[in-house]
Amino acid sequence: MERVSANQPACRASIMDFAACRGIADGPVFIVASGASAKGFPLQHFAGVPMITVNGAISMFAEHGVRPYFYVCTDTGFAQQQPELYAKAVRLSQRLAIWPSEVSALPVATRAQVFPLAKAARSSLLAPLFNTDPMLVRSRAVWGSRSRSVGFSKNLSQGFFDARTVAYAALQLAFHLGFNKVFLVGVDLDQSVGRFYETPGQAVSRCHLDESYERRILPSLKLMADRVVNEQFAVYNLSATSKIPASVIPKITLDQAQALILGHAPQGLLCSHPA
């Protein structure tokens, strides 16, 4: 497949800093990931709500002709492993959050705004004790290099924290954009079940969920639940089969999500971090 430089006129991509999209949105947003449970999500029914999608979950949007508000890809090998899906994302999405190496060689022409990703700077040994930057919420653990890399970025101009799942990058992006109700779709984190868009005989992207869940993914989600989630930033999980404990991110039904979106929140669901 011929690749197009983002600097060529035919591409028409606008390369932008994340500062340009900070706080531009509000209200609800769906983060649509690739877990098997996403198959049952009625995308068209909620098409009026902004959606952030990731990696191969773009296949659902291409099928229904829905343009994602943002597409996020943190898997450095995805563009090579799934070139057709990646090209669909570049062509269809309103905005792209991708690595600088991908920005410089997009596979197809696009009119999307393109935001180059960067990781948040690693903290020093004693930084957790004296961290005064409110935009980078870091683990308070002092010992262990892994703990010092756990965090949540409220401002992607300062980079994001990699939890080994692109859904966590999308959560940080949702906060950065200004959304206050986030609904997770297909964030199952179950490597054994696979992705909803994969079929027998089709190329399958690598997956490291099992090895990363306990040491990086769950600690990152717990940090977010304890120190970021509040009445102004609520997160709900629409996957009944997700490995994420309901004590970290509450699981709700589509009907409950619709009620929240319409502003008629059932009692007990006004805050996504239960007491």
Protein backbone atom coordinates (compact mmCIF):
# COMPACT_ATOMS: atom_id res chain seq x y z
CA MET A 1 0.00 0.00 0.00
CA GLU A 2 1.42 3.38 -0.99
CA ARG A 3 2.02 5.61 2.00
CA VAL A 4 1.29 9.34 1.92
CA SER A 5 3.38 11.93 3.71
CA ALA A 6 1.28 14.07 6.05
CA ASN A 7 3.06 17.08 4.58
CA GLN A 8 1.84 16.43 1.03
CA PRO A 9 -1.13 18.57 -0.14
CA ALA A 10 -3.07 15.45 -1.15
CA CYS A 11 -3.13 14.28 2.45
CA ARG A 12 -4.72 17.45 3.86
CA ALA A 13 -4.01 16.32 7.42
CA SER A 14 -3.62 19.06 10.00
CA ILE A 15 -0.77 18.26 12.41
CA MET A 16 -1.66 19.76 15.77
CA ASP A 17 -0.53 19.91 19.38
CA PHE A 18 -2.82 18.47 22.04
CA ALA A 19 -3.18 21.96 23.49
CA ALA A 20 -5.47 22.73 20.53
CA CYS A 21 -8.09 20.21 21.66
CA ARG A 22 -7.90 20.60 25.40
CA GLY A 23 -11.34 21.25 26.92
CA ILE A 24 -13.12 21.45 23.56
CA ALA A 25 -15.85 18.95 24.57
CA ASP A 26 -18.23 18.19 27.41
CA GLY A 27 -20.96 15.75 28.36
CA PRO A 28 -20.91 12.02 27.57
CA VAL A 29 -18.52 10.04 25.39
CA PHE A 30 -18.17 6.37 24.48
CA ILE A 31 -14.79 4.66 24.35
CA VAL A 32 -15.25 1.73 21.98
CA ALA A 33 -12.58 -0.97 22.25
CA SER A 34 -12.09 -4.36 20.65
CA GLY A 35 -13.27 -6.81 23.30
CA ALA A 36 -15.78 -9.48 22.29
CA SER A 37 -18.60 -7.80 24.23
CA ALA A 38 -18.50 -4.83 21.82
CA LYS A 39 -20.31 -6.98 19.26
CA GLY A 40 -23.62 -6.31 20.98
CA PHE A 41 -23.20 -2.53 21.17
CA PRO A 42 -25.88 -0.69 19.11
CA LEU A 43 -23.51 1.83 17.56
CA GLN A 44 -26.07 3.52 15.35
CA HIS A 45 -28.50 4.02 18.25
CA PHE A 46 -25.88 6.14 20.04
CA ALA A 47 -24.34 7.68 16.92
CA GLY A 48 -25.24 11.17 18.14
CA VAL A 49 -22.89 10.80 21.13
CA PRO A 50 -19.16 11.48 20.51
CA MET A 51 -17.09 8.30 20.34
CA ILE A 52 -13.42 7.57 20.82
CA THR A 53 -12.33 4.30 19.27
CA VAL A 54 -9.06 2.38 19.25
CA ASN A 55 -7.09 -0.02 17.09
CA GLY A 56 -9.25 -2.54 15.18
CA ALA A 57 -12.54 -1.45 16.73
CA ILE A 58 -12.67 1.00 13.81
CA SER A 59 -14.15 -1.89 11.80
CA MET A 60 -17.51 -1.34 13.52
CA PHE A 61 -17.51 2.34 12.56
CA ALA A 62 -16.57 1.62 8.97
CA GLU A 63 -19.39 -0.92 8.73
CA HIS A 64 -22.00 1.61 9.87
CA GLY A 65 -20.48 4.73 8.31
CA VAL A 66 -20.07 6.48 11.66
CA ARG A 67 -17.12 8.88 12.00
CA PRO A 68 -15.28 8.55 15.31
CA TYR A 69 -14.69 11.79 17.21
CA PHE A 70 -11.16 10.51 17.90
CA TYR A 71 -9.16 7.42 16.93
CA VAL A 72 -6.32 6.35 19.22
CA CYS A 73 -3.60 3.84 18.34
CA THR A 74 -0.71 3.23 20.74
CA ASP A 75 0.27 -0.19 19.34
CA THR A 76 3.44 0.49 17.37
CA GLY A 77 2.91 -2.58 15.20
CA PHE A 78 -0.80 -2.20 14.45
CA ALA A 79 -0.40 -0.25 11.19
CA GLN A 80 1.79 -3.02 9.76
CA GLN A 81 -0.19 -5.95 11.20
CA GLN A 82 -3.62 -4.59 10.22
CA PRO A 83 -2.99 -2.19 7.31
CA GLU A 84 -6.56 -2.26 5.98
CA LEU A 85 -8.14 -1.47 9.34
CA TYR A 86 -5.56 1.23 10.03
CA ALA A 87 -6.21 2.85 6.64
CA LYS A 88 -9.95 2.87 7.41
CA ALA A 89 -9.26 4.66 10.69
CA VAL A 90 -7.09 7.29 9.01
CA ARG A 91 -9.67 7.89 6.30
CA LEU A 92 -12.81 7.89 8.48
CA SER A 93 -11.88 9.52 11.79
CA GLN A 94 -12.29 13.20 12.60
CA ARG A 95 -9.12 13.23 14.71
CA LEU A 96 -6.18 10.86 15.14
CA ALA A 97 -3.92 10.33 18.15
CA ILE A 98 -0.96 8.34 16.80
CA TRP A 99 2.80 8.10 17.22
CA PRO A 100 5.00 10.67 15.44
CA SER A 101 6.50 7.90 13.28
CA GLU A 102 3.00 7.19 11.92
CA VAL A 103 2.19 10.87 11.45
CA SER A 104 5.03 11.22 8.97
CA ALA A 105 3.79 8.39 6.72
CA LEU A 106 0.01 8.03 6.71
CA PRO A 107 -1.28 5.18 4.50
CA VAL A 108 -4.07 7.14 2.78
CA ALA A 109 -5.22 10.71 2.30
CA THR A 110 -7.12 12.18 5.22
CA ARG A 111 -8.74 15.41 6.32
CA ALA A 112 -8.39 14.46 9.98
CA GLN A 113 -6.67 16.57 12.59
CA VAL A 114 -3.60 14.57 13.65
CA PHE A 115 -2.21 14.76 17.18
CA PRO A 116 1.22 13.14 17.75
CA LEU A 117 1.38 11.09 20.95
CA ALA A 118 4.13 11.28 23.56
CA LYS A 119 4.60 9.50 26.87
CA ALA A 120 4.68 11.47 30.11
CA ALA A 121 8.17 11.95 31.52
CA ARG A 122 9.26 9.29 33.97
CA SER A 123 9.42 10.52 37.57
CA SER A 124 12.54 10.46 39.70
CA LEU A 125 12.89 8.28 42.79
CA LEU A 126 11.54 10.89 45.23
CA ALA A 127 9.17 12.69 42.85
CA PRO A 128 6.04 10.89 44.19
CA LEU A 129 6.61 12.56 47.56
CA PHE A 130 6.96 16.06 46.14
CA ASN A 131 4.88 16.00 42.96
CA THR A 132 3.27 19.42 42.58
CA ASP A 133 2.06 19.11 38.98
CA PRO A 134 -1.73 18.68 39.19
CA MET A 135 -1.92 17.66 35.54
CA LEU A 136 0.16 14.49 36.01
CA VAL A 137 -1.39 12.32 38.71
CA ARG A 138 1.35 9.87 39.66
CA SER A 139 1.52 6.81 41.88
CA ARG A 140 2.66 7.71 45.38
CA ALA A 141 4.78 4.56 45.61
CA VAL A 142 8.43 5.47 46.09
CA TRP A 143 10.11 2.12 45.55
CA GLY A 144 10.00 0.18 42.31
CA SER A 145 10.52 1.60 38.82
CA ARG A 146 7.22 0.09 37.65
CA SER A 147 5.22 1.97 40.28
CA ARG A 148 6.87 5.25 39.27
CA SER A 149 5.58 4.82 35.72
CA VAL A 150 1.94 4.47 36.84
CA GLY A 151 -0.14 7.62 36.52
CA PHE A 152 -2.93 9.52 34.82
CA SER A 153 -2.40 12.55 32.60
CA LYS A 154 -5.04 15.27 32.64
CA ASN A 155 -3.20 17.19 29.92
CA LEU A 156 -1.88 15.23 26.96
CA SER A 157 0.36 18.15 25.96
CA GLN A 158 2.50 16.80 28.82
CA GLY A 159 2.23 13.24 27.52
CA PHE A 160 0.18 10.23 28.61
CA PHE A 161 0.83 7.27 30.89
CA ASP A 162 1.07 3.92 29.13
CA ALA A 163 -0.77 1.17 31.04
CA ARG A 164 -0.25 -1.44 28.30
CA THR A 165 -3.81 -1.05 27.05
CA VAL A 166 -4.89 1.59 24.57
CA ALA A 167 -8.18 2.01 26.45
CA TYR A 168 -6.28 3.71 29.28
CA ALA A 169 -4.77 6.19 26.84
CA ALA A 170 -8.31 6.85 25.57
CA LEU A 171 -9.50 7.52 29.14
CA GLN A 172 -6.79 10.16 29.58
CA LEU A 173 -7.76 11.66 26.23
CA ALA A 174 -11.43 11.82 27.30
CA PHE A 175 -10.44 13.82 30.39
CA HIS A 176 -8.16 16.08 28.33
CA LEU A 177 -11.00 16.83 25.89
CA GLY A 178 -13.39 17.80 28.71
CA PHE A 179 -15.91 14.95 28.67
CA ASN A 180 -17.49 14.26 32.07
CA LYS A 181 -19.31 10.93 31.56
CA VAL A 182 -17.28 8.15 29.98
CA PHE A 183 -18.84 4.84 28.93
CA LEU A 184 -16.49 1.94 28.19
CA VAL A 185 -17.55 -0.48 25.45
CA GLY A 186 -15.63 -3.67 24.75
CA VAL A 187 -12.99 -3.06 27.43
CA ASP A 188 -13.08 -6.73 28.40
CA LEU A 189 -9.31 -7.19 28.93
CA ASP A 190 -9.79 -10.93 28.39
CA GLN A 191 -7.03 -12.22 26.15
CA SER A 192 -8.53 -15.72 25.93
CA VAL A 193 -11.70 -14.52 24.19
CA GLY A 194 -10.01 -12.39 21.55
CA ARG A 195 -11.23 -9.33 19.66
CA PHE A 196 -14.71 -8.96 18.18
CA TYR A 197 -13.46 -8.22 14.65
CA GLU A 198 -11.12 -11.21 14.37
CA THR A 199 -12.22 -14.23 12.32
CA PRO A 200 -10.59 -17.63 11.74
CA GLY A 201 -7.82 -17.42 9.15
CA GLN A 202 -7.48 -13.66 9.50
CA ALA A 203 -4.25 -11.97 10.59
CA VAL A 204 -4.28 -11.48 14.37
CA SER A 205 -2.41 -8.69 16.15
CA ARG A 206 -0.25 -9.54 19.14
CA CYS A 207 -1.85 -9.31 22.57
CA HIS A 208 -0.17 -8.92 25.96
CA LEU A 209 -3.16 -8.31 28.21
CA ASP A 210 -2.61 -11.28 30.49
CA GLU A 211 0.99 -10.42 31.31
CA SER A 212 0.19 -6.73 31.86
CA TYR A 213 -3.12 -6.87 33.70
CA GLU A 214 -1.96 -7.30 37.31
CA ARG A 215 1.29 -5.36 37.14
CA ARG A 216 0.25 -2.36 35.03
CA ILE A 217 -3.37 -2.21 33.85
CA LEU A 218 -5.23 -2.76 37.13
CA PRO A 219 -2.92 -0.50 39.22
CA SER A 220 -3.43 2.29 36.65
CA LEU A 221 -7.22 1.92 36.71
CA LYS A 222 -7.23 1.88 40.52
CA LEU A 223 -5.20 5.09 40.59
CA MET A 224 -7.70 6.71 38.22
CA ALA A 225 -10.66 5.52 40.30
CA ASP A 226 -9.14 6.73 43.57
CA ARG A 227 -7.65 10.05 42.52
CA VAL A 228 -9.27 11.23 39.27
CA VAL A 229 -12.87 10.02 39.15
CA ASN A 230 -15.39 12.33 40.83
CA GLU A 231 -18.69 14.09 40.05
CA GLN A 232 -16.98 15.97 37.21
CA PHE A 233 -15.39 12.89 35.63
CA ALA A 234 -17.43 9.69 35.90
CA VAL A 235 -16.50 6.40 34.25
CA TYR A 236 -18.84 3.45 33.64
CA ASN A 237 -18.22 0.00 32.18
CA LEU A 238 -20.77 -1.45 29.74
CA SER A 239 -19.02 -4.81 29.53
CA ALA A 240 -20.64 -7.34 31.87
CA THR A 241 -17.74 -9.74 31.19
CA SER A 242 -14.93 -7.22 31.76
CA LYS A 243 -12.09 -8.25 34.08
CA ILE A 244 -12.14 -4.77 35.65
CA PRO A 245 -13.74 -5.13 39.11
CA ALA A 246 -17.01 -3.22 39.57
CA SER A 247 -15.44 -1.71 42.70
CA VAL A 248 -12.97 0.07 40.41
CA ILE A 249 -15.26 0.96 37.49
CA PRO A 250 -18.97 0.20 38.02
CA LYS A 251 -20.73 -1.98 35.46
CA ILE A 252 -24.00 -0.68 34.10
CA THR A 253 -26.49 -1.67 31.40
CA LEU A 254 -27.22 0.11 28.13
CA ASP A 255 -30.54 1.30 29.55
CA GLN A 256 -28.76 2.85 32.52
CA ALA A 257 -26.23 4.46 30.20
CA GLN A 258 -29.01 5.96 28.11
CA ALA A 259 -30.67 7.36 31.25
CA LEU A 260 -27.39 8.96 32.29
CA ILE A 261 -26.90 10.43 28.84
CA LEU A 262 -30.39 11.89 28.90
CA GLY A 263 -29.70 13.39 32.31
CA HIS A 264 -32.05 11.13 34.26
CA ALA A 265 -29.45 9.27 36.29
CA PRO A 266 -30.77 6.42 38.46
CA GLN A 267 -30.07 6.75 42.17
CA GLY A 268 -26.57 5.58 43.02
CA LEU A 269 -25.11 6.07 39.54
CA LEU A 270 -24.30 9.76 39.74
CA CYS A 271 -20.66 9.04 40.60
CA SER A 272 -18.69 6.25 38.98
CA HIS A 273 -16.55 5.54 42.03
CA PRO A 274 -18.75 3.92 44.67
CA ALA A 275 -18.10 4.71 48.32
